[in-house]
PDB file of N, CA and C in Angstrom:
ATOM      1  N   MET A   1       0.977  -4.036 -24.093  1.00  0.00           N
ATOM      2  CA  MET A   1      -0.019  -2.984 -23.331  1.00  0.00           C
ATOM      3  C   MET A   1      -1.099  -3.592 -23.765  1.00  0.00           C
ATOM      4  N   ARG A   2      -2.585  -3.324 -23.227  1.00  0.00           N
ATOM      5  CA  ARG A   2      -3.604  -2.726 -24.074  1.00  0.00           C
ATOM      6  C   ARG A   2      -4.118  -1.365 -23.815  1.00  0.00           C
ATOM      7  N   THR A   3      -4.555  -0.717 -24.411  1.00  0.00           N
ATOM      8  CA  THR A   3      -5.180   0.270 -23.968  1.00  0.00           C
ATOM      9  C   THR A   3      -6.883   0.717 -24.007  1.00  0.00           C
ATOM     10  N   PHE A   4      -7.422   1.582 -23.718  1.00  0.00           N
ATOM     11  CA  PHE A   4      -8.734   1.852 -24.140  1.00  0.00           C
ATOM     12  C   PHE A   4      -9.097   3.775 -23.890  1.00  0.00           C
ATOM     13  N   ASP A   5      -9.456   4.433 -24.843  1.00  0.00           N
ATOM     14  CA  ASP A   5      -9.972   5.474 -24.818  1.00  0.00           C
ATOM     15  C   ASP A   5     -11.671   5.337 -24.575  1.00  0.00           C
ATOM     16  N   TYR A   6     -11.581   6.710 -23.516  1.00  0.00           N
ATOM     17  CA  TYR A   6     -13.077   6.745 -23.335  1.00  0.00           C
ATOM     18  C   TYR A   6     -13.532   8.262 -22.727  1.00  0.00           C
ATOM     19  N   THR A   7     -15.088   8.872 -23.204  1.00  0.00           N
ATOM     20  CA  THR A   7     -14.904  10.140 -23.098  1.00  0.00           C
ATOM     21  C   THR A   7     -16.025  10.292 -21.872  1.00  0.00           C
ATOM     22  N   ILE A   8     -15.987  10.559 -20.992  1.00  0.00           N
ATOM     23  CA  ILE A   8     -16.852  10.527 -19.451  1.00  0.00           C
ATOM     24  C   ILE A   8     -18.367  11.566 -19.551  1.00  0.00           C
ATOM     25  N   THR A   9     -19.244  10.032 -19.727  1.00  0.00           N
ATOM     26  CA  THR A   9     -20.670  11.245 -20.468  1.00  0.00           C
ATOM     27  C   THR A   9     -21.165  11.334 -19.153  1.00  0.00           C
ATOM     28  N   ASP A  10     -21.051  10.854 -17.642  1.00  0.00           N
ATOM     29  CA  ASP A  10     -21.645  11.256 -16.445  1.00  0.00           C
ATOM     30  C   ASP A  10     -21.781  12.486 -16.138  1.00  0.00           C
ATOM     31  N   THR A  11     -22.885  13.381 -16.408  1.00  0.00           N
ATOM     32  CA  THR A  11     -22.124  14.975 -15.870  1.00  0.00           C
ATOM     33  C   THR A  11     -21.940  15.049 -15.052  1.00  0.00           C
ATOM     34  N   ILE A  12     -22.009  14.448 -13.502  1.00  0.00           N
ATOM     35  CA  ILE A  12     -20.992  14.687 -12.403  1.00  0.00           C
ATOM     36  C   ILE A  12     -19.641  14.527 -12.388  1.00  0.00           C
ATOM     37  N   GLY A  13     -19.301  13.800 -13.474  1.00  0.00           N
ATOM     38  CA  GLY A  13     -18.369  13.068 -14.297  1.00  0.00           C
ATOM     39  C   GLY A  13     -17.886  12.148 -13.287  1.00  0.00           C
ATOM     40  N   MET A  14     -16.296  11.773 -13.016  1.00  0.00           N
ATOM     41  CA  MET A  14     -15.782  10.756 -12.204  1.00  0.00           C
ATOM     42  C   MET A  14     -15.668  11.021 -10.331  1.00  0.00           C
ATOM     43  N   HIS A  15     -16.938  11.595 -10.481  1.00  0.00           N
ATOM     44  CA  HIS A  15     -17.059  11.743  -8.347  1.00  0.00           C
ATOM     45  C   HIS A  15     -16.605  10.570  -7.982  1.00  0.00           C
ATOM     46  N   ALA A  16     -16.666  10.794  -6.107  1.00  0.00           N
ATOM     47  CA  ALA A  16     -16.018   9.690  -5.285  1.00  0.00           C
ATOM     48  C   ALA A  16     -16.351   8.597  -5.421  1.00  0.00           C
ATOM     49  N   ARG A  17     -17.758   8.393  -5.394  1.00  0.00           N
ATOM     50  CA  ARG A  17     -18.626   7.232  -5.718  1.00  0.00           C
ATOM     51  C   ARG A  17     -17.913   6.192  -6.610  1.00  0.00           C
ATOM     52  N   PRO A  18     -18.017   7.022  -7.714  1.00  0.00           N
ATOM     53  CA  PRO A  18     -17.339   6.100  -9.415  1.00  0.00           C
ATOM     54  C   PRO A  18     -15.948   5.569  -9.502  1.00  0.00           C
ATOM     55  N   ALA A  19     -15.016   6.855  -8.626  1.00  0.00           N
ATOM     56  CA  ALA A  19     -13.846   6.831  -8.396  1.00  0.00           C
ATOM     57  C   ALA A  19     -13.588   5.743  -7.654  1.00  0.00           C
ATOM     58  N   GLY A  20     -13.872   5.587  -6.229  1.00  0.00           N
ATOM     59  CA  GLY A  20     -13.796   4.277  -5.349  1.00  0.00           C
ATOM     60  C   GLY A  20     -13.943   3.272  -6.194  1.00  0.00           C
ATOM     61  N   GLU A  21     -15.419   2.843  -6.868  1.00  0.00           N
ATOM     62  CA  GLU A  21     -15.300   1.862  -7.545  1.00  0.00           C
ATOM     63  C   GLU A  21     -14.526   1.578  -7.930  1.00  0.00           C
ATOM     64  N   PHE A  22     -14.150   2.458  -9.048  1.00  0.00           N
ATOM     65  CA  PHE A  22     -12.676   2.147 -10.329  1.00  0.00           C
ATOM     66  C   PHE A  22     -11.684   1.396  -9.671  1.00  0.00           C
ATOM     67  N   VAL A  23     -11.436   2.094  -8.725  1.00  0.00           N
ATOM     68  CA  VAL A  23     -10.001   2.158  -7.473  1.00  0.00           C
ATOM     69  C   VAL A  23     -10.409   0.612  -7.121  1.00  0.00           C
ATOM     70  N   LYS A  24     -11.254   0.402  -6.882  1.00  0.00           N
ATOM     71  CA  LYS A  24     -11.427  -0.678  -6.129  1.00  0.00           C
ATOM     72  C   LYS A  24     -11.499  -2.149  -7.118  1.00  0.00           C
ATOM     73  N   LEU A  25     -11.833  -2.211  -8.316  1.00  0.00           N
ATOM     74  CA  LEU A  25     -12.006  -2.529  -8.992  1.00  0.00           C
ATOM     75  C   LEU A  25     -10.718  -3.096  -9.767  1.00  0.00           C
ATOM     76  N   ALA A  26      -9.814  -1.585  -9.817  1.00  0.00           N
ATOM     77  CA  ALA A  26      -8.462  -1.700 -10.480  1.00  0.00           C
ATOM     78  C   ALA A  26      -7.413  -2.684  -9.767  1.00  0.00           C
ATOM     79  N   LYS A  27      -7.873  -2.612  -8.329  1.00  0.00           N
ATOM     80  CA  LYS A  27      -7.188  -3.336  -7.441  1.00  0.00           C
ATOM     81  C   LYS A  27      -7.281  -5.184  -7.465  1.00  0.00           C
ATOM     82  N   SER A  28      -8.093  -5.253  -7.697  1.00  0.00           N
ATOM     83  CA  SER A  28      -8.921  -6.297  -8.067  1.00  0.00           C
ATOM     84  C   SER A  28      -8.304  -7.376  -9.436  1.00  0.00           C
ATOM     85  N   LEU A  29      -7.263  -6.613  -9.893  1.00  0.00           N
ATOM     86  CA  LEU A  29      -6.671  -6.804 -10.954  1.00  0.00           C
ATOM     87  C   LEU A  29      -5.481  -7.161 -11.363  1.00  0.00           C
ATOM     88  N   THR A  30      -4.683  -8.152 -11.711  1.00  0.00           N
ATOM     89  CA  THR A  30      -3.031  -8.843 -11.340  1.00  0.00           C
ATOM     90  C   THR A  30      -2.766  -8.025 -12.229  1.00  0.00           C
ATOM     91  N   CYS A  31      -2.847  -6.837 -13.112  1.00  0.00           N
ATOM     92  CA  CYS A  31      -2.143  -6.246 -14.221  1.00  0.00           C
ATOM     93  C   CYS A  31      -1.729  -4.672 -13.623  1.00  0.00           C
ATOM     94  N   ASP A  32      -1.103  -4.228 -14.048  1.00  0.00           N
ATOM     95  CA  ASP A  32      -0.715  -2.405 -13.597  1.00  0.00           C
ATOM     96  C   ASP A  32      -1.634  -1.986 -14.713  1.00  0.00           C
ATOM     97  N   VAL A  33      -2.463  -0.826 -13.649  1.00  0.00           N
ATOM     98  CA  VAL A  33      -3.435   0.104 -14.388  1.00  0.00           C
ATOM     99  C   VAL A  33      -2.875   1.392 -13.791  1.00  0.00           C
ATOM    100  N   SER A  34      -3.195   2.253 -15.406  1.00  0.00           N
ATOM    101  CA  SER A  34      -3.157   3.629 -15.595  1.00  0.00           C
ATOM    102  C   SER A  34      -4.049   4.135 -15.273  1.00  0.00           C
ATOM    103  N   ILE A  35      -4.513   5.376 -15.677  1.00  0.00           N
ATOM    104  CA  ILE A  35      -5.172   6.144 -16.313  1.00  0.00           C
ATOM    105  C   ILE A  35      -5.163   7.689 -16.406  1.00  0.00           C
ATOM    106  N   SER A  36      -5.104   8.093 -17.492  1.00  0.00           N
ATOM    107  CA  SER A  36      -4.658   9.750 -18.527  1.00  0.00           C
ATOM    108  C   SER A  36      -5.561  10.808 -18.251  1.00  0.00           C
ATOM    109  N   CYS A  37      -5.293  11.338 -17.847  1.00  0.00           N
ATOM    110  CA  CYS A  37      -6.531  12.632 -18.354  1.00  0.00           C
ATOM    111  C   CYS A  37      -5.784  13.938 -18.770  1.00  0.00           C
ATOM    112  N   GLY A  38      -5.928  14.563 -20.067  1.00  0.00           N
ATOM    113  CA  GLY A  38      -4.831  15.525 -20.282  1.00  0.00           C
ATOM    114  C   GLY A  38      -3.872  15.053 -20.436  1.00  0.00           C
ATOM    115  N   THR A  39      -2.677  15.834 -19.820  1.00  0.00           N
ATOM    116  CA  THR A  39      -1.487  15.466 -19.991  1.00  0.00           C
ATOM    117  C   THR A  39      -1.038  14.530 -18.461  1.00  0.00           C
ATOM    118  N   ASN A  40      -1.524  14.440 -17.827  1.00  0.00           N
ATOM    119  CA  ASN A  40      -1.769  13.837 -16.336  1.00  0.00           C
ATOM    120  C   ASN A  40      -1.902  12.220 -16.079  1.00  0.00           C
ATOM    121  N   THR A  41      -1.028  11.675 -15.899  1.00  0.00           N
ATOM    122  CA  THR A  41      -1.531  10.182 -15.402  1.00  0.00           C
ATOM    123  C   THR A  41      -1.634   9.944 -14.235  1.00  0.00           C
ATOM    124  N   ALA A  42      -2.367   9.377 -13.673  1.00  0.00           N
ATOM    125  CA  ALA A  42      -2.654   8.323 -12.081  1.00  0.00           C
ATOM    126  C   ALA A  42      -2.443   6.934 -12.025  1.00  0.00           C
ATOM    127  N   ASP A  43      -1.851   6.411 -11.333  1.00  0.00           N
ATOM    128  CA  ASP A  43      -1.831   4.801 -10.893  1.00  0.00           C
ATOM    129  C   ASP A  43      -3.226   4.588 -10.542  1.00  0.00           C
ATOM    130  N   ALA A  44      -4.055   3.977 -11.221  1.00  0.00           N
ATOM    131  CA  ALA A  44      -5.519   3.732 -11.169  1.00  0.00           C
ATOM    132  C   ALA A  44      -5.721   2.798  -9.384  1.00  0.00           C
ATOM    133  N   LYS A  45      -5.059   2.465  -9.041  1.00  0.00           N
ATOM    134  CA  LYS A  45      -5.000   1.786  -7.494  1.00  0.00           C
ATOM    135  C   LYS A  45      -4.735   2.398  -6.712  1.00  0.00           C
ATOM    136  N   LYS A  46      -4.729   3.946  -6.582  1.00  0.00           N
ATOM    137  CA  LYS A  46      -4.839   4.749  -5.762  1.00  0.00           C
ATOM    138  C   LYS A  46      -5.587   6.010  -5.939  1.00  0.00           C
ATOM    139  N   LEU A  47      -6.816   5.858  -4.788  1.00  0.00           N
ATOM    140  CA  LEU A  47      -7.995   7.092  -4.824  1.00  0.00           C
ATOM    141  C   LEU A  47      -7.464   8.327  -5.057  1.00  0.00           C
ATOM    142  N   PHE A  48      -6.996   8.564  -4.130  1.00  0.00           N
ATOM    143  CA  PHE A  48      -6.216   9.865  -4.348  1.00  0.00           C
ATOM    144  C   PHE A  48      -5.953  10.615  -5.496  1.00  0.00           C
ATOM    145  N   ALA A  49      -4.780   9.457  -6.286  1.00  0.00           N
ATOM    146  CA  ALA A  49      -4.131   9.751  -7.343  1.00  0.00           C
ATOM    147  C   ALA A  49      -5.499   9.911  -8.437  1.00  0.00           C
ATOM    148  N   VAL A  50      -6.342   9.530  -8.333  1.00  0.00           N
ATOM    149  CA  VAL A  50      -7.254   9.269  -9.194  1.00  0.00           C
ATOM    150  C   VAL A  50      -7.838  10.532  -9.404  1.00  0.00           C
ATOM    151  N   MET A  51      -8.564  10.393  -8.205  1.00  0.00           N
ATOM    152  CA  MET A  51      -9.462  11.964  -7.684  1.00  0.00           C
ATOM    153  C   MET A  51      -8.799  12.896  -8.079  1.00  0.00           C
ATOM    154  N   GLY A  52      -7.150  13.104  -7.926  1.00  0.00           N
ATOM    155  CA  GLY A  52      -6.278  14.110  -8.678  1.00  0.00           C
ATOM    156  C   GLY A  52      -6.465  14.324  -9.941  1.00  0.00           C
ATOM    157  N   LEU A  53      -6.798  13.593 -10.824  1.00  0.00           N
ATOM    158  CA  LEU A  53      -6.827  14.046 -11.727  1.00  0.00           C
ATOM    159  C   LEU A  53      -8.034  15.281 -12.603  1.00  0.00           C
ATOM    160  N   GLY A  54      -9.293  15.070 -11.414  1.00  0.00           N
ATOM    161  CA  GLY A  54     -10.128  16.190 -11.464  1.00  0.00           C
ATOM    162  C   GLY A  54     -11.205  15.585 -12.967  1.00  0.00           C
ATOM    163  N   ILE A  55     -10.897  14.733 -13.063  1.00  0.00           N
ATOM    164  CA  ILE A  55     -12.186  14.321 -14.739  1.00  0.00           C
ATOM    165  C   ILE A  55     -13.894  14.121 -13.993  1.00  0.00           C
ATOM    166  N   SER A  56     -13.897  15.209 -15.302  1.00  0.00           N
ATOM    167  CA  SER A  56     -15.047  15.979 -15.328  1.00  0.00           C
ATOM    168  C   SER A  56     -15.905  15.331 -16.521  1.00  0.00           C
ATOM    169  N   TYR A  57     -17.129  15.784 -16.968  1.00  0.00           N
ATOM    170  CA  TYR A  57     -18.190  15.523 -17.481  1.00  0.00           C
ATOM    171  C   TYR A  57     -17.019  16.044 -18.866  1.00  0.00           C
ATOM    172  N   GLN A  58     -17.192  15.060 -20.083  1.00  0.00           N
ATOM    173  CA  GLN A  58     -16.999  15.239 -21.220  1.00  0.00           C
ATOM    174  C   GLN A  58     -15.370  14.971 -21.268  1.00  0.00           C
ATOM    175  N   SER A  59     -14.621  14.832 -20.510  1.00  0.00           N
ATOM    176  CA  SER A  59     -13.143  14.746 -20.096  1.00  0.00           C
ATOM    177  C   SER A  59     -12.698  13.346 -20.864  1.00  0.00           C
ATOM    178  N   ASN A  60     -11.405  13.506 -21.752  1.00  0.00           N
ATOM    179  CA  ASN A  60     -10.908  11.723 -22.649  1.00  0.00           C
ATOM    180  C   ASN A  60     -10.287  11.627 -21.874  1.00  0.00           C
ATOM    181  N   VAL A  61     -10.572   9.923 -21.304  1.00  0.00           N
ATOM    182  CA  VAL A  61      -9.680   9.678 -20.643  1.00  0.00           C
ATOM    183  C   VAL A  61      -8.832   8.448 -21.562  1.00  0.00           C
ATOM    184  N   THR A  62      -7.668   8.009 -20.773  1.00  0.00           N
ATOM    185  CA  THR A  62      -6.975   6.792 -21.787  1.00  0.00           C
ATOM    186  C   THR A  62      -6.834   5.458 -20.229  1.00  0.00           C
ATOM    187  N   LEU A  63      -7.062   4.479 -20.351  1.00  0.00           N
ATOM    188  CA  LEU A  63      -6.456   3.554 -19.281  1.00  0.00           C
ATOM    189  C   LEU A  63      -5.804   2.638 -20.131  1.00  0.00           C
ATOM    190  N   ALA A  64      -4.997   2.610 -19.565  1.00  0.00           N
ATOM    191  CA  ALA A  64      -3.223   1.372 -19.943  1.00  0.00           C
ATOM    192  C   ALA A  64      -3.354   0.244 -19.086  1.00  0.00           C
ATOM    193  N   VAL A  65      -3.100  -0.657 -19.908  1.00  0.00           N
ATOM    194  CA  VAL A  65      -3.014  -1.848 -18.375  1.00  0.00           C
ATOM    195  C   VAL A  65      -1.956  -2.584 -19.149  1.00  0.00           C
ATOM    196  N   THR A  66      -1.007  -3.148 -18.299  1.00  0.00           N
ATOM    197  CA  THR A  66      -0.066  -3.946 -18.333  1.00  0.00           C
ATOM    198  C   THR A  66       0.008  -4.992 -17.809  1.00  0.00           C
ATOM    199  N   GLY A  67       0.450  -6.233 -18.291  1.00  0.00           N
ATOM    200  CA  GLY A  67       0.391  -7.666 -17.474  1.00  0.00           C
ATOM    201  C   GLY A  67       0.182  -8.929 -18.518  1.00  0.00           C
ATOM    202  N   ALA A  68       0.171  -9.525 -17.772  1.00  0.00           N
ATOM    203  CA  ALA A  68       0.161 -11.218 -19.001  1.00  0.00           C
ATOM    204  C   ALA A  68      -1.476 -11.182 -18.669  1.00  0.00           C
ATOM    205  N   ASN A  69      -2.308 -10.853 -18.446  1.00  0.00           N
ATOM    206  CA  ASN A  69      -3.955 -10.889 -18.583  1.00  0.00           C
ATOM    207  C   ASN A  69      -4.294  -9.740 -18.931  1.00  0.00           C
ATOM    208  N   ALA A  70      -3.397  -8.662 -19.863  1.00  0.00           N
ATOM    209  CA  ALA A  70      -4.115  -7.135 -20.242  1.00  0.00           C
ATOM    210  C   ALA A  70      -5.174  -7.425 -21.065  1.00  0.00           C
ATOM    211  N   ASP A  71      -5.204  -8.339 -22.096  1.00  0.00           N
ATOM    212  CA  ASP A  71      -6.753  -8.794 -22.588  1.00  0.00           C
ATOM    213  C   ASP A  71      -7.619  -8.492 -22.512  1.00  0.00           C
ATOM    214  N   GLU A  72      -7.688  -9.842 -21.087  1.00  0.00           N
ATOM    215  CA  GLU A  72      -8.897  -9.975 -20.432  1.00  0.00           C
ATOM    216  C   GLU A  72      -9.496  -8.487 -19.506  1.00  0.00           C
ATOM    217  N   GLU A  73      -8.620  -8.331 -19.124  1.00  0.00           N
ATOM    218  CA  GLU A  73      -8.709  -6.916 -17.983  1.00  0.00           C
ATOM    219  C   GLU A  73      -8.880  -5.780 -18.663  1.00  0.00           C
ATOM    220  N   VAL A  74      -8.768  -5.659 -19.730  1.00  0.00           N
ATOM    221  CA  VAL A  74      -8.532  -4.418 -20.195  1.00  0.00           C
ATOM    222  C   VAL A  74     -10.395  -4.427 -20.705  1.00  0.00           C
ATOM    223  N   LYS A  75     -11.124  -5.363 -20.983  1.00  0.00           N
ATOM    224  CA  LYS A  75     -12.744  -5.094 -21.042  1.00  0.00           C
ATOM    225  C   LYS A  75     -13.229  -5.294 -20.236  1.00  0.00           C
ATOM    226  N   ILE A  76     -12.763  -5.464 -18.588  1.00  0.00           N
ATOM    227  CA  ILE A  76     -13.473  -5.710 -17.254  1.00  0.00           C
ATOM    228  C   ILE A  76     -13.553  -4.018 -17.370  1.00  0.00           C
ATOM    229  N   LEU A  77     -12.221  -2.883 -17.298  1.00  0.00           N
ATOM    230  CA  LEU A  77     -12.299  -1.888 -17.379  1.00  0.00           C
ATOM    231  C   LEU A  77     -13.564  -1.381 -18.516  1.00  0.00           C
ATOM    232  N   GLU A  78     -13.534  -1.431 -19.164  1.00  0.00           N
ATOM    233  CA  GLU A  78     -14.243  -0.807 -20.792  1.00  0.00           C
ATOM    234  C   GLU A  78     -15.492  -1.063 -20.148  1.00  0.00           C
ATOM    235  N   ASP A  79     -15.958  -2.422 -20.087  1.00  0.00           N
ATOM    236  CA  ASP A  79     -17.523  -3.007 -19.122  1.00  0.00           C
ATOM    237  C   ASP A  79     -17.619  -1.853 -18.255  1.00  0.00           C
ATOM    238  N   PHE A  80     -16.561  -1.474 -17.177  1.00  0.00           N
ATOM    239  CA  PHE A  80     -17.223  -0.605 -16.014  1.00  0.00           C
ATOM    240  C   PHE A  80     -17.149   0.929 -16.500  1.00  0.00           C
ATOM    241  N   PHE A  81     -16.810   0.971 -17.224  1.00  0.00           N
ATOM    242  CA  PHE A  81     -16.669   3.000 -17.707  1.00  0.00           C
ATOM    243  C   PHE A  81     -17.648   2.927 -18.515  1.00  0.00           C
ATOM    244  N   LYS A  82     -17.892   1.738 -19.154  1.00  0.00           N
ATOM    245  CA  LYS A  82     -19.432   1.944 -20.434  1.00  0.00           C
ATOM    246  C   LYS A  82     -20.569   1.997 -19.765  1.00  0.00           C
ATOM    247  N   SER A  83     -20.720   0.991 -18.401  1.00  0.00           N
ATOM    248  CA  SER A  83     -21.664   0.847 -17.600  1.00  0.00           C
ATOM    249  C   SER A  83     -22.361   2.300 -16.582  1.00  0.00           C
ATOM    250  N   THR A  84     -20.978   2.900 -15.963  1.00  0.00           N
ATOM    251  CA  THR A  84     -20.980   3.893 -14.800  1.00  0.00           C
ATOM    252  C   THR A  84     -20.689   5.100 -15.408  1.00  0.00           C
ATOM    253  N   LEU A  85     -19.662   5.313 -16.732  1.00  0.00           N
ATOM    254  CA  LEU A  85     -19.068   6.685 -16.603  1.00  0.00           C
ATOM    255  C   LEU A  85     -20.215   7.349 -17.960  1.00  0.00           C
TER     256      LEU A  85
END
């Protein structure tokens, strides 16, 4: 398992558009991906679960990637967060 921590820098937070793009990206990966914010965790491949986390500006999130390609796929997700959120 590989993890990645990130602080949301987008002043709007993770609203519908970037959340949808994130879920679409997560679904395209072969590994299992979860996202945590505070004490709550969601399956990153389910839009309503991700939106239910209520990720806002300056929220700290942790992504956990589990699977055979975790090293490569955590980098893909890290790049997405840095460029989008």
